[in-house]
C-alpha atoms as a PDB file:
ATOM      1  CA  UNK A   1      -0.480  -0.179   0.524  1.00  0.00           C
ATOM      2  CA  UNK A   2       1.449   3.369  -0.784  1.00  0.00           C
ATOM      3  CA  UNK A   3       1.046   6.795   0.792  1.00  0.00           C
ATOM      4  CA  UNK A   4       0.286   9.778  -0.929  1.00  0.00           C
ATOM      5  CA  UNK A   5       1.050  12.992   0.187  1.00  0.00           C
ATOM      6  CA  UNK A   6      -1.514  15.893  -0.366  1.00  0.00           C
ATOM      7  CA  UNK A   7      -0.457  19.622  -0.532  1.00  0.00           C
ATOM      8  CA  UNK A   8      -3.065  22.032   0.039  1.00  0.00           C
ATOM      9  CA  UNK A   9      -1.879  24.561  -2.900  1.00  0.00           C
ATOM     10  CA  UNK A  10      -1.355  28.053  -2.420  1.00  0.00           C
ATOM     11  CA  UNK A  11      -4.213  30.822  -2.340  1.00  0.00           C
ATOM     12  CA  UNK A  12      -4.711  32.172  -6.192  1.00  0.00           C
ATOM     13  CA  UNK A  13      -1.481  34.797  -7.014  1.00  0.00           C
ATOM     14  CA  UNK A  14      -0.384  34.668  -3.518  1.00  0.00           C
ATOM     15  CA  UNK A  15       3.494  32.626  -3.035  1.00  0.00           C
ATOM     16  CA  UNK A  16       3.924  29.554  -1.111  1.00  0.00           C
ATOM     17  CA  UNK A  17       5.616  30.426   1.543  1.00  0.00           C
ATOM     18  CA  UNK A  18       4.366  33.522   2.430  1.00  0.00           C
ATOM     19  CA  UNK A  19       1.336  33.960   5.121  1.00  0.00           C
ATOM     20  CA  UNK A  20      -1.957  35.963   5.154  1.00  0.00           C
ATOM     21  CA  UNK A  21      -0.967  39.396   7.903  1.00  0.00           C
ATOM     22  CA  UNK A  22      -2.981  38.669  11.144  1.00  0.00           C
ATOM     23  CA  UNK A  23      -6.712  40.309  10.836  1.00  0.00           C
ATOM     24  CA  UNK A  24      -6.563  43.100  14.047  1.00  0.00           C
ATOM     25  CA  UNK A  25      -9.252  42.761  15.859  1.00  0.00           C
ATOM     26  CA  UNK A  26     -10.468  46.172  17.585  1.00  0.00           C
ATOM     27  CA  UNK A  27     -10.718  45.375  21.613  1.00  0.00           C
ATOM     28  CA  UNK A  28     -13.385  46.369  23.638  1.00  0.00           C
ATOM     29  CA  UNK A  29     -13.451  50.514  24.517  1.00  0.00           C
ATOM     30  CA  UNK A  30     -11.416  51.016  21.525  1.00  0.00           C
ATOM     31  CA  UNK A  31     -12.969  52.926  18.549  1.00  0.00           C
ATOM     32  CA  UNK A  32     -11.854  54.041  15.247  1.00  0.00           C
ATOM     33  CA  UNK A  33     -10.482  57.523  14.089  1.00  0.00           C
ATOM     34  CA  UNK A  34     -13.685  59.105  12.224  1.00  0.00           C
ATOM     35  CA  UNK A  35     -15.358  57.594  15.630  1.00  0.00           C
ATOM     36  CA  UNK A  36     -13.173  58.899  17.981  1.00  0.00           C
ATOM     37  CA  UNK A  37     -13.081  63.152  16.387  1.00  0.00           C
ATOM     38  CA  UNK A  38     -17.103  62.653  16.283  1.00  0.00           C
ATOM     39  CA  UNK A  39     -17.223  61.982  20.533  1.00  0.00           C
ATOM     40  CA  UNK A  40     -14.959  64.381  21.090  1.00  0.00           C
ATOM     41  CA  UNK A  41     -16.129  67.015  18.287  1.00  0.00           C
ATOM     42  CA  UNK A  42     -19.372  66.583  20.548  1.00  0.00           C
ATOM     43  CA  UNK A  43     -17.652  66.917  23.794  1.00  0.00           C
ATOM     44  CA  UNK A  44     -16.607  70.121  22.589  1.00  0.00           C
ATOM     45  CA  UNK A  45     -19.982  71.608  21.680  1.00  0.00           C
ATOM     46  CA  UNK A  46     -21.803  70.202  24.780  1.00  0.00           C
ATOM     47  CA  UNK A  47     -18.324  71.704  27.164  1.00  0.00           C
ATOM     48  CA  UNK A  48     -19.172  74.920  24.710  1.00  0.00           C
ATOM     49  CA  UNK A  49     -23.132  75.277  25.435  1.00  0.00           C
ATOM     50  CA  UNK A  50     -22.473  74.707  28.775  1.00  0.00           C
ATOM     51  CA  UNK A  51     -20.111  77.428  29.553  1.00  0.00           C
ATOM     52  CA  UNK A  52     -21.500  79.857  27.747  1.00  0.00           C
ATOM     53  CA  UNK A  53     -23.819  81.268  29.817  1.00  0.00           C
ATOM     54  CA  UNK A  54     -21.603  81.234  32.335  1.00  0.00           C
ATOM     55  CA  UNK A  55     -19.026  83.037  30.947  1.00  0.00           C
ATOM     56  CA  UNK A  56     -21.508  85.728  29.350  1.00  0.00           C
ATOM     57  CA  UNK A  57     -22.544  86.323  32.389  1.00  0.00           C
ATOM     58  CA  UNK A  58     -18.917  87.079  33.951  1.00  0.00           C
ATOM     59  CA  UNK A  59     -18.720  88.981  30.832  1.00  0.00           C
ATOM     60  CA  UNK A  60     -21.637  91.027  31.453  1.00  0.00           C
ATOM     61  CA  UNK A  61     -20.540  91.473  35.422  1.00  0.00           C
ATOM     62  CA  UNK A  62     -18.378  93.558  33.854  1.00  0.00           C
ATOM     63  CA  UNK A  63     -20.036  96.191  32.889  1.00  0.00           C
ATOM     64  CA  UNK A  64     -20.593  99.738  34.540  1.00  0.00           C
ATOM     65  CA  UNK A  65     -24.092 100.717  33.211  1.00  0.00           C
ATOM     66  CA  UNK A  66     -26.796  98.924  34.123  1.00  0.00           C
ATOM     67  CA  UNK A  67     -28.591  98.320  30.231  1.00  0.00           C
ATOM     68  CA  UNK A  68     -24.899  97.579  28.844  1.00  0.00           C
ATOM     69  CA  UNK A  69     -25.938  93.965  28.415  1.00  0.00           C
ATOM     70  CA  UNK A  70     -28.455  96.018  25.488  1.00  0.00           C
ATOM     71  CA  UNK A  71     -25.368  96.445  23.930  1.00  0.00           C
ATOM     72  CA  UNK A  72     -22.875  94.004  25.136  1.00  0.00           C
ATOM     73  CA  UNK A  73     -20.149  94.932  22.390  1.00  0.00           C
ATOM     74  CA  UNK A  74     -20.066  98.042  24.517  1.00  0.00           C
ATOM     75  CA  UNK A  75     -18.237  96.235  27.259  1.00  0.00           C
ATOM     76  CA  UNK A  76     -14.616  95.577  25.854  1.00  0.00           C
ATOM     77  CA  UNK A  77     -13.767  99.399  25.967  1.00  0.00           C
ATOM     78  CA  UNK A  78     -14.718  99.980  29.527  1.00  0.00           C
ATOM     79  CA  UNK A  79     -14.509  96.855  31.822  1.00  0.00           C
ATOM     80  CA  UNK A  80     -14.590  97.464  35.509  1.00  0.00           C
ATOM     81  CA  UNK A  81     -14.662  95.937  38.785  1.00  0.00           C
ATOM     82  CA  UNK A  82     -16.814  98.458  40.205  1.00  0.00           C
ATOM     83  CA  UNK A  83     -19.382  96.689  40.153  1.00  0.00           C
ATOM     84  CA  UNK A  84     -18.029  93.887  42.504  1.00  0.00           C
ATOM     85  CA  UNK A  85     -16.509  97.146  44.366  1.00  0.00           C
ATOM     86  CA  UNK A  86     -20.042  98.307  45.426  1.00  0.00           C
ATOM     87  CA  UNK A  87     -21.735  94.237  46.211  1.00  0.00           C
ATOM     88  CA  UNK A  88     -19.028  94.067  48.734  1.00  0.00           C
ATOM     89  CA  UNK A  89     -18.503  97.589  50.214  1.00  0.00           C
ATOM     90  CA  UNK A  90     -21.970  98.955  49.818  1.00  0.00           C
ATOM     91  CA  UNK A  91     -24.145  96.323  50.529  1.00  0.00           C
ATOM     92  CA  UNK A  92     -25.104  93.788  52.848  1.00  0.00           C
ATOM     93  CA  UNK A  93     -23.827  91.322  51.229  1.00  0.00           C
ATOM     94  CA  UNK A  94     -21.766  89.305  54.120  1.00  0.00           C
ATOM     95  CA  UNK A  95     -24.303  89.694  56.022  1.00  0.00           C
ATOM     96  CA  UNK A  96     -26.436  87.575  53.395  1.00  0.00           C
ATOM     97  CA  UNK A  97     -23.080  85.457  52.890  1.00  0.00           C
ATOM     98  CA  UNK A  98     -23.228  84.396  56.622  1.00  0.00           C
ATOM     99  CA  UNK A  99     -27.012  83.743  56.204  1.00  0.00           C
ATOM    100  CA  UNK A 100     -26.689  81.620  53.238  1.00  0.00           C
ATOM    101  CA  UNK A 101     -24.117  79.281  54.673  1.00  0.00           C
ATOM    102  CA  UNK A 102     -25.795  78.897  58.387  1.00  0.00           C
ATOM    103  CA  UNK A 103     -28.776  77.774  56.592  1.00  0.00           C
ATOM    104  CA  UNK A 104     -27.304  75.702  54.107  1.00  0.00           C
ATOM    105  CA  UNK A 105     -24.678  74.345  56.488  1.00  0.00           C
ATOM    106  CA  UNK A 106     -27.452  74.015  59.008  1.00  0.00           C
ATOM    107  CA  UNK A 107     -29.630  72.283  56.360  1.00  0.00           C
ATOM    108  CA  UNK A 108     -26.967  69.670  55.104  1.00  0.00           C
ATOM    109  CA  UNK A 109     -26.037  68.629  58.798  1.00  0.00           C
ATOM    110  CA  UNK A 110     -28.965  68.047  59.948  1.00  0.00           C
ATOM    111  CA  UNK A 111     -31.237  66.442  56.886  1.00  0.00           C
ATOM    112  CA  UNK A 112     -28.367  64.570  56.540  1.00  0.00           C
ATOM    113  CA  UNK A 113     -28.517  62.772  59.640  1.00  0.00           C
ATOM    114  CA  UNK A 114     -32.145  62.646  59.556  1.00  0.00           C
ATOM    115  CA  UNK A 115     -32.204  60.864  55.823  1.00  0.00           C
ATOM    116  CA  UNK A 116     -29.018  58.474  56.843  1.00  0.00           C
ATOM    117  CA  UNK A 117     -30.529  57.135  59.619  1.00  0.00           C
ATOM    118  CA  UNK A 118     -33.871  56.505  58.374  1.00  0.00           C
ATOM    119  CA  UNK A 119     -32.719  55.043  54.775  1.00  0.00           C
ATOM    120  CA  UNK A 120     -30.900  52.696  57.194  1.00  0.00           C
ATOM    121  CA  UNK A 121     -34.013  51.758  59.191  1.00  0.00           C
ATOM    122  CA  UNK A 122     -35.920  51.180  56.358  1.00  0.00           C
ATOM    123  CA  UNK A 123     -33.177  49.047  54.124  1.00  0.00           C
ATOM    124  CA  UNK A 124     -32.391  46.791  57.530  1.00  0.00           C
ATOM    125  CA  UNK A 125     -35.303  46.785  59.480  1.00  0.00           C
ATOM    126  CA  UNK A 126     -38.581  44.655  58.634  1.00  0.00           C
ATOM    127  CA  UNK A 127     -40.809  47.014  60.605  1.00  0.00           C
ATOM    128  CA  UNK A 128     -44.710  46.879  60.572  1.00  0.00           C
ATOM    129  CA  UNK A 129     -45.301  49.559  57.800  1.00  0.00           C
ATOM    130  CA  UNK A 130     -41.815  50.531  56.468  1.00  0.00           C
ATOM    131  CA  UNK A 131     -42.694  50.548  52.541  1.00  0.00           C
ATOM    132  CA  UNK A 132     -46.257  52.817  53.101  1.00  0.00           C
ATOM    133  CA  UNK A 133     -43.878  55.315  55.219  1.00  0.00           C
ATOM    134  CA  UNK A 134     -41.079  55.596  52.436  1.00  0.00           C
ATOM    135  CA  UNK A 135     -44.457  56.164  49.838  1.00  0.00           C
ATOM    136  CA  UNK A 136     -45.730  58.851  51.983  1.00  0.00           C
ATOM    137  CA  UNK A 137     -42.278  60.660  52.118  1.00  0.00           C
ATOM    138  CA  UNK A 138     -42.604  60.614  48.547  1.00  0.00           C
ATOM    139  CA  UNK A 139     -46.174  62.102  48.695  1.00  0.00           C
ATOM    140  CA  UNK A 140     -44.726  65.406  50.696  1.00  0.00           C
ATOM    141  CA  UNK A 141     -43.393  66.132  47.733  1.00  0.00           C
ATOM    142  CA  UNK A 142     -45.781  66.299  45.669  1.00  0.00           C
ATOM    143  CA  UNK A 143     -47.095  70.026  47.522  1.00  0.00           C
ATOM    144  CA  UNK A 144     -46.092  72.990  45.726  1.00  0.00           C
ATOM    145  CA  UNK A 145     -45.057  75.919  47.778  1.00  0.00           C
ATOM    146  CA  UNK A 146     -47.779  77.906  47.794  1.00  0.00           C
ATOM    147  CA  UNK A 147     -49.800  74.642  49.298  1.00  0.00           C
ATOM    148  CA  UNK A 148     -47.274  74.540  52.189  1.00  0.00           C
ATOM    149  CA  UNK A 149     -46.772  78.362  52.545  1.00  0.00           C
ATOM    150  CA  UNK A 150     -49.583  79.283  54.942  1.00  0.00           C
ATOM    151  CA  UNK A 151     -49.067  76.212  57.044  1.00  0.00           C
ATOM    152  CA  UNK A 152     -45.794  76.591  57.584  1.00  0.00           C
ATOM    153  CA  UNK A 153     -46.057  80.179  58.504  1.00  0.00           C
ATOM    154  CA  UNK A 154     -48.494  79.253  61.181  1.00  0.00           C
ATOM    155  CA  UNK A 155     -46.314  76.554  62.463  1.00  0.00           C
ATOM    156  CA  UNK A 156     -43.512  78.429  62.890  1.00  0.00           C
ATOM    157  CA  UNK A 157     -45.475  81.675  64.181  1.00  0.00           C
ATOM    158  CA  UNK A 158     -46.806  79.272  66.702  1.00  0.00           C
ATOM    159  CA  UNK A 159     -43.199  78.117  67.352  1.00  0.00           C
ATOM    160  CA  UNK A 160     -41.382  81.284  68.031  1.00  0.00           C
ATOM    161  CA  UNK A 161     -39.566  80.517  64.968  1.00  0.00           C
ATOM    162  CA  UNK A 162     -40.124  83.009  62.364  1.00  0.00           C
ATOM    163  CA  UNK A 163     -37.544  85.530  61.404  1.00  0.00           C
ATOM    164  CA  UNK A 164     -34.839  82.887  62.999  1.00  0.00           C
ATOM    165  CA  UNK A 165     -32.112  80.482  61.662  1.00  0.00           C
ATOM    166  CA  UNK A 166     -33.619  77.581  62.818  1.00  0.00           C
ATOM    167  CA  UNK A 167     -37.310  77.685  61.391  1.00  0.00           C
ATOM    168  CA  UNK A 168     -35.543  78.303  58.096  1.00  0.00           C
ATOM    169  CA  UNK A 169     -33.651  75.374  58.411  1.00  0.00           C
ATOM    170  CA  UNK A 170     -35.912  73.332  59.822  1.00  0.00           C
ATOM    171  CA  UNK A 171     -38.428  74.216  56.721  1.00  0.00           C
ATOM    172  CA  UNK A 172     -35.540  73.107  54.199  1.00  0.00           C
ATOM    173  CA  UNK A 173     -34.794  69.662  56.297  1.00  0.00           C
ATOM    174  CA  UNK A 174     -38.558  69.465  55.333  1.00  0.00           C
ATOM    175  CA  UNK A 175     -38.121  68.897  51.808  1.00  0.00           C
ATOM    176  CA  UNK A 176     -34.392  67.272  51.505  1.00  0.00           C
ATOM    177  CA  UNK A 177     -35.246  64.722  53.579  1.00  0.00           C
ATOM    178  CA  UNK A 178     -37.541  62.825  51.838  1.00  0.00           C
ATOM    179  CA  UNK A 179     -35.780  62.995  48.562  1.00  0.00           C
ATOM    180  CA  UNK A 180     -31.960  62.060  50.494  1.00  0.00           C
ATOM    181  CA  UNK A 181     -34.028  59.351  52.605  1.00  0.00           C
ATOM    182  CA  UNK A 182     -34.897  57.338  49.646  1.00  0.00           C
ATOM    183  CA  UNK A 183     -31.814  58.651  47.754  1.00  0.00           C
ATOM    184  CA  UNK A 184     -29.568  56.902  50.994  1.00  0.00           C
ATOM    185  CA  UNK A 185     -32.078  53.688  51.281  1.00  0.00           C
ATOM    186  CA  UNK A 186     -31.450  52.452  47.660  1.00  0.00           C
ATOM    187  CA  UNK A 187     -27.637  52.979  48.815  1.00  0.00           C
ATOM    188  CA  UNK A 188     -27.734  51.106  51.520  1.00  0.00           C
ATOM    189  CA  UNK A 189     -29.663  48.066  49.474  1.00  0.00           C
ATOM    190  CA  UNK A 190     -26.299  48.339  47.737  1.00  0.00           C
ATOM    191  CA  UNK A 191     -23.801  47.030  50.938  1.00  0.00           C
ATOM    192  CA  UNK A 192     -23.965  43.403  51.960  1.00  0.00           C
ATOM    193  CA  UNK A 193     -26.025  42.704  54.769  1.00  0.00           C
ATOM    194  CA  UNK A 194     -23.258  40.409  56.145  1.00  0.00           C
ATOM    195  CA  UNK A 195     -21.561  43.242  57.178  1.00  0.00           C
ATOM    196  CA  UNK A 196     -24.347  43.858  59.969  1.00  0.00           C
ATOM    197  CA  UNK A 197     -23.798  40.773  60.562  1.00  0.00           C
ATOM    198  CA  UNK A 198     -20.400  40.897  61.524  1.00  0.00           C
ATOM    199  CA  UNK A 199     -21.006  43.765  63.181  1.00  0.00           C
ATOM    200  CA  UNK A 200     -23.251  42.025  65.433  1.00  0.00           C
ATOM    201  CA  UNK A 201     -20.369  39.208  65.791  1.00  0.00           C
ATOM    202  CA  UNK A 202     -18.028  41.883  67.304  1.00  0.00           C
ATOM    203  CA  UNK A 203     -20.254  43.203  69.833  1.00  0.00           C
ATOM    204  CA  UNK A 204     -21.247  46.239  68.232  1.00  0.00           C
ATOM    205  CA  UNK A 205     -24.912  47.777  69.029  1.00  0.00           C
ATOM    206  CA  UNK A 206     -27.179  48.645  66.165  1.00  0.00           C
ATOM    207  CA  UNK A 207     -26.217  52.248  66.291  1.00  0.00           C
ATOM    208  CA  UNK A 208     -23.079  51.206  66.645  1.00  0.00           C
ATOM    209  CA  UNK A 209     -22.742  48.953  63.473  1.00  0.00           C
ATOM    210  CA  UNK A 210     -24.469  51.477  61.526  1.00  0.00           C
ATOM    211  CA  UNK A 211     -21.752  54.495  62.924  1.00  0.00           C
ATOM    212  CA  UNK A 212     -18.590  52.296  62.525  1.00  0.00           C
ATOM    213  CA  UNK A 213     -19.162  49.767  59.744  1.00  0.00           C
ATOM    214  CA  UNK A 214     -21.589  51.469  57.351  1.00  0.00           C
ATOM    215  CA  UNK A 215     -21.057  55.002  57.325  1.00  0.00           C
ATOM    216  CA  UNK A 216     -17.679  55.287  56.359  1.00  0.00           C
ATOM    217  CA  UNK A 217     -18.841  52.560  53.011  1.00  0.00           C
ATOM    218  CA  UNK A 218     -21.877  54.840  52.187  1.00  0.00           C
ATOM    219  CA  UNK A 219     -19.342  57.811  52.079  1.00  0.00           C
ATOM    220  CA  UNK A 220     -20.387  58.629  48.314  1.00  0.00           C
ATOM    221  CA  UNK A 221     -24.002  58.157  49.462  1.00  0.00           C
ATOM    222  CA  UNK A 222     -23.517  60.801  51.367  1.00  0.00           C
ATOM    223  CA  UNK A 223     -21.825  62.977  49.373  1.00  0.00           C
ATOM    224  CA  UNK A 224     -25.079  63.421  47.514  1.00  0.00           C
ATOM    225  CA  UNK A 225     -27.498  63.745  49.801  1.00  0.00           C
ATOM    226  CA  UNK A 226     -25.269  66.841  50.816  1.00  0.00           C
ATOM    227  CA  UNK A 227     -25.194  68.735  48.111  1.00  0.00           C
ATOM    228  CA  UNK A 228     -28.793  68.853  47.143  1.00  0.00           C
ATOM    229  CA  UNK A 229     -29.538  69.259  50.704  1.00  0.00           C
ATOM    230  CA  UNK A 230     -26.803  72.298  50.376  1.00  0.00           C
ATOM    231  CA  UNK A 231     -28.169  73.141  46.620  1.00  0.00           C
ATOM    232  CA  UNK A 232     -31.238  73.028  47.530  1.00  0.00           C
ATOM    233  CA  UNK A 233     -30.799  75.817  50.497  1.00  0.00           C
ATOM    234  CA  UNK A 234     -28.350  77.411  49.225  1.00  0.00           C
ATOM    235  CA  UNK A 235     -30.549  79.281  46.075  1.00  0.00           C
ATOM    236  CA  UNK A 236     -34.846  78.343  47.964  1.00  0.00           C
ATOM    237  CA  UNK A 237     -36.539  82.245  47.762  1.00  0.00           C
ATOM    238  CA  UNK A 238     -40.070  81.935  48.353  1.00  0.00           C
ATOM    239  CA  UNK A 239     -39.484  80.498  51.874  1.00  0.00           C
ATOM    240  CA  UNK A 240     -36.791  82.508  52.818  1.00  0.00           C
ATOM    241  CA  UNK A 241     -38.397  86.218  51.761  1.00  0.00           C
ATOM    242  CA  UNK A 242     -41.730  85.039  53.666  1.00  0.00           C
ATOM    243  CA  UNK A 243     -39.625  83.927  56.808  1.00  0.00           C
ATOM    244  CA  UNK A 244     -36.739  86.155  57.458  1.00  0.00           C
ATOM    245  CA  UNK A 245     -38.139  89.541  58.118  1.00  0.00           C
ATOM    246  CA  UNK A 246     -34.690  91.415  59.413  1.00  0.00           C
ATOM    247  CA  UNK A 247     -33.064  92.403  55.786  1.00  0.00           C
ATOM    248  CA  UNK A 248     -29.736  91.127  57.302  1.00  0.00           C
ATOM    249  CA  UNK A 249     -30.613  87.644  57.561  1.00  0.00           C
ATOM    250  CA  UNK A 250     -32.026  87.356  54.026  1.00  0.00           C
ATOM    251  CA  UNK A 251     -29.757  84.900  51.989  1.00  0.00           C
ATOM    252  CA  UNK A 252     -28.109  85.137  49.307  1.00  0.00           C
ATOM    253  CA  UNK A 253     -30.996  84.768  46.501  1.00  0.00           C
ATOM    254  CA  UNK A 254     -33.442  87.132  48.579  1.00  0.00           C
ATOM    255  CA  UNK A 255     -30.525  89.632  48.686  1.00  0.00           C
ATOM    256  CA  UNK A 256     -29.981  89.297  44.989  1.00  0.00           C
ATOM    257  CA  UNK A 257     -33.236  90.123  44.773  1.00  0.00           C
ATOM    258  CA  UNK A 258     -32.749  94.004  45.952  1.00  0.00           C
ATOM    259  CA  UNK A 259     -31.068  95.322  43.047  1.00  0.00           C
ATOM    260  CA  UNK A 260     -34.687  94.712  40.968  1.00  0.00           C
ATOM    261  CA  UNK A 261     -37.338  97.609  42.023  1.00  0.00           C
ATOM    262  CA  UNK A 262     -40.976  98.179  40.333  1.00  0.00           C
ATOM    263  CA  UNK A 263     -39.490 100.495  38.065  1.00  0.00           C
ATOM    264  CA  UNK A 264     -35.720  99.899  37.584  1.00  0.00           C
ATOM    265  CA  UNK A 265     -33.171  96.398  37.378  1.00  0.00           C
ATOM    266  CA  UNK A 266     -29.798  96.809  38.213  1.00  0.00           C
ATOM    267  CA  UNK A 267     -28.440  94.222  36.004  1.00  0.00           C
ATOM    268  CA  UNK A 268     -24.853  94.946  35.998  1.00  0.00           C
ATOM    269  CA  UNK A 269     -24.906  94.476  39.945  1.00  0.00           C
ATOM    270  CA  UNK A 270     -27.212  91.287  39.951  1.00  0.00           C
ATOM    271  CA  UNK A 271     -24.420  89.463  37.270  1.00  0.00           C
ATOM    272  CA  UNK A 272     -21.590  90.351  40.008  1.00  0.00           C
ATOM    273  CA  UNK A 273     -23.732  89.457  43.243  1.00  0.00           C
ATOM    274  CA  UNK A 274     -24.446  85.934  41.146  1.00  0.00           C
ATOM    275  CA  UNK A 275     -21.136  85.266  40.076  1.00  0.00           C
ATOM    276  CA  UNK A 276     -20.276  86.143  43.741  1.00  0.00           C
ATOM    277  CA  UNK A 277     -22.752  83.475  44.935  1.00  0.00           C
ATOM    278  CA  UNK A 278     -21.638  80.782  42.720  1.00  0.00           C
ATOM    279  CA  UNK A 279     -18.302  80.555  44.302  1.00  0.00           C
ATOM    280  CA  UNK A 280     -19.286  78.778  47.859  1.00  0.00           C
ATOM    281  CA  UNK A 281     -21.216  75.874  45.155  1.00  0.00           C
ATOM    282  CA  UNK A 282     -18.304  76.010  43.278  1.00  0.00           C
ATOM    283  CA  UNK A 283     -16.558  75.901  46.294  1.00  0.00           C
ATOM    284  CA  UNK A 284     -18.282  72.899  47.701  1.00  0.00           C
ATOM    285  CA  UNK A 285     -18.856  71.138  44.582  1.00  0.00           C
ATOM    286  CA  UNK A 286     -15.097  70.994  44.233  1.00  0.00           C
ATOM    287  CA  UNK A 287     -15.063  69.035  48.113  1.00  0.00           C
ATOM    288  CA  UNK A 288     -17.421  66.343  47.459  1.00  0.00           C
ATOM    289  CA  UNK A 289     -17.061  65.742  43.751  1.00  0.00           C
ATOM    290  CA  UNK A 290     -14.789  63.031  44.174  1.00  0.00           C
ATOM    291  CA  UNK A 291     -18.164  60.692  45.478  1.00  0.00           C
ATOM    292  CA  UNK A 292     -20.484  62.529  43.789  1.00  0.00           C
ATOM    293  CA  UNK A 293     -21.049  60.751  40.561  1.00  0.00           C
ATOM    294  CA  UNK A 294     -20.001  57.548  42.497  1.00  0.00           C
ATOM    295  CA  UNK A 295     -23.346  57.976  44.660  1.00  0.00           C
ATOM    296  CA  UNK A 296     -25.177  59.640  41.869  1.00  0.00           C
ATOM    297  CA  UNK A 297     -24.853  55.642  40.152  1.00  0.00           C
ATOM    298  CA  UNK A 298     -24.524  53.410  42.343  1.00  0.00           C
ATOM    299  CA  UNK A 299     -27.710  53.553  44.458  1.00  0.00           C
ATOM    300  CA  UNK A 300     -29.876  52.582  41.507  1.00  0.00           C
ATOM    301  CA  UNK A 301     -27.855  49.087  41.275  1.00  0.00           C
ATOM    302  CA  UNK A 302     -30.688  47.889  43.785  1.00  0.00           C
ATOM    303  CA  UNK A 303     -34.518  49.169  44.729  1.00  0.00           C
END
């Protein structure tokens, strides 16, 4: 019996000894030049759209006249910092800033503390009506400010908290806590229950487990709740206008209205004040931004 060796013929037009070059497979996350250029172009356009209002506000704040917004081209030749000097020296800006910081930080501390304990209790404990309790918190967010204004004013008046920082802080907490409680509940759901069991095995009380084990793991969620509470209190106008009577206790958002009268609006001073108002918020955002994105996304992984 003879053995016949069959040789595979080389492809037409290619020498027998030449190998076919390997085809490069694009890995996950890699993009072609056109896709990369398109995505970068979209990001640049989105950045311009987001930054233009801020840059425009800063530009208008440098115009010395209140009607410069009607002729913005004329600002280039007469830019000045006089608007900022007037706001800082001739108004109650620093009183407004103090009031805003007291109210905003107070709302943040009290609101986050209440929301964190509430969210943890609902996430870990199964007491009668815990689901209805969370829905009741959500229902409180449905009422508009105009409906809540009169009953809240009556309650604060009976408690002698009108024109006090504590009264305004409690009002702001009533709006910040429901949302933050839902947020923290969703975040605590992502933390394994075995951590609580390990804390109890080590002899920790439920509050000790919460304070020493759970809260350090929940920093991203706490950062989001703190940022939301701070922004809500810092920029609110309706309640602050109604419940604060002394102009030295006005918050910055209410003080900004002092530049608008019945027949006139000093828009150059409003623009300068708005730029100054943005500085504390930007500083607070910088402090929490490391955990902000993580906290916003983590709470949605479990319901």
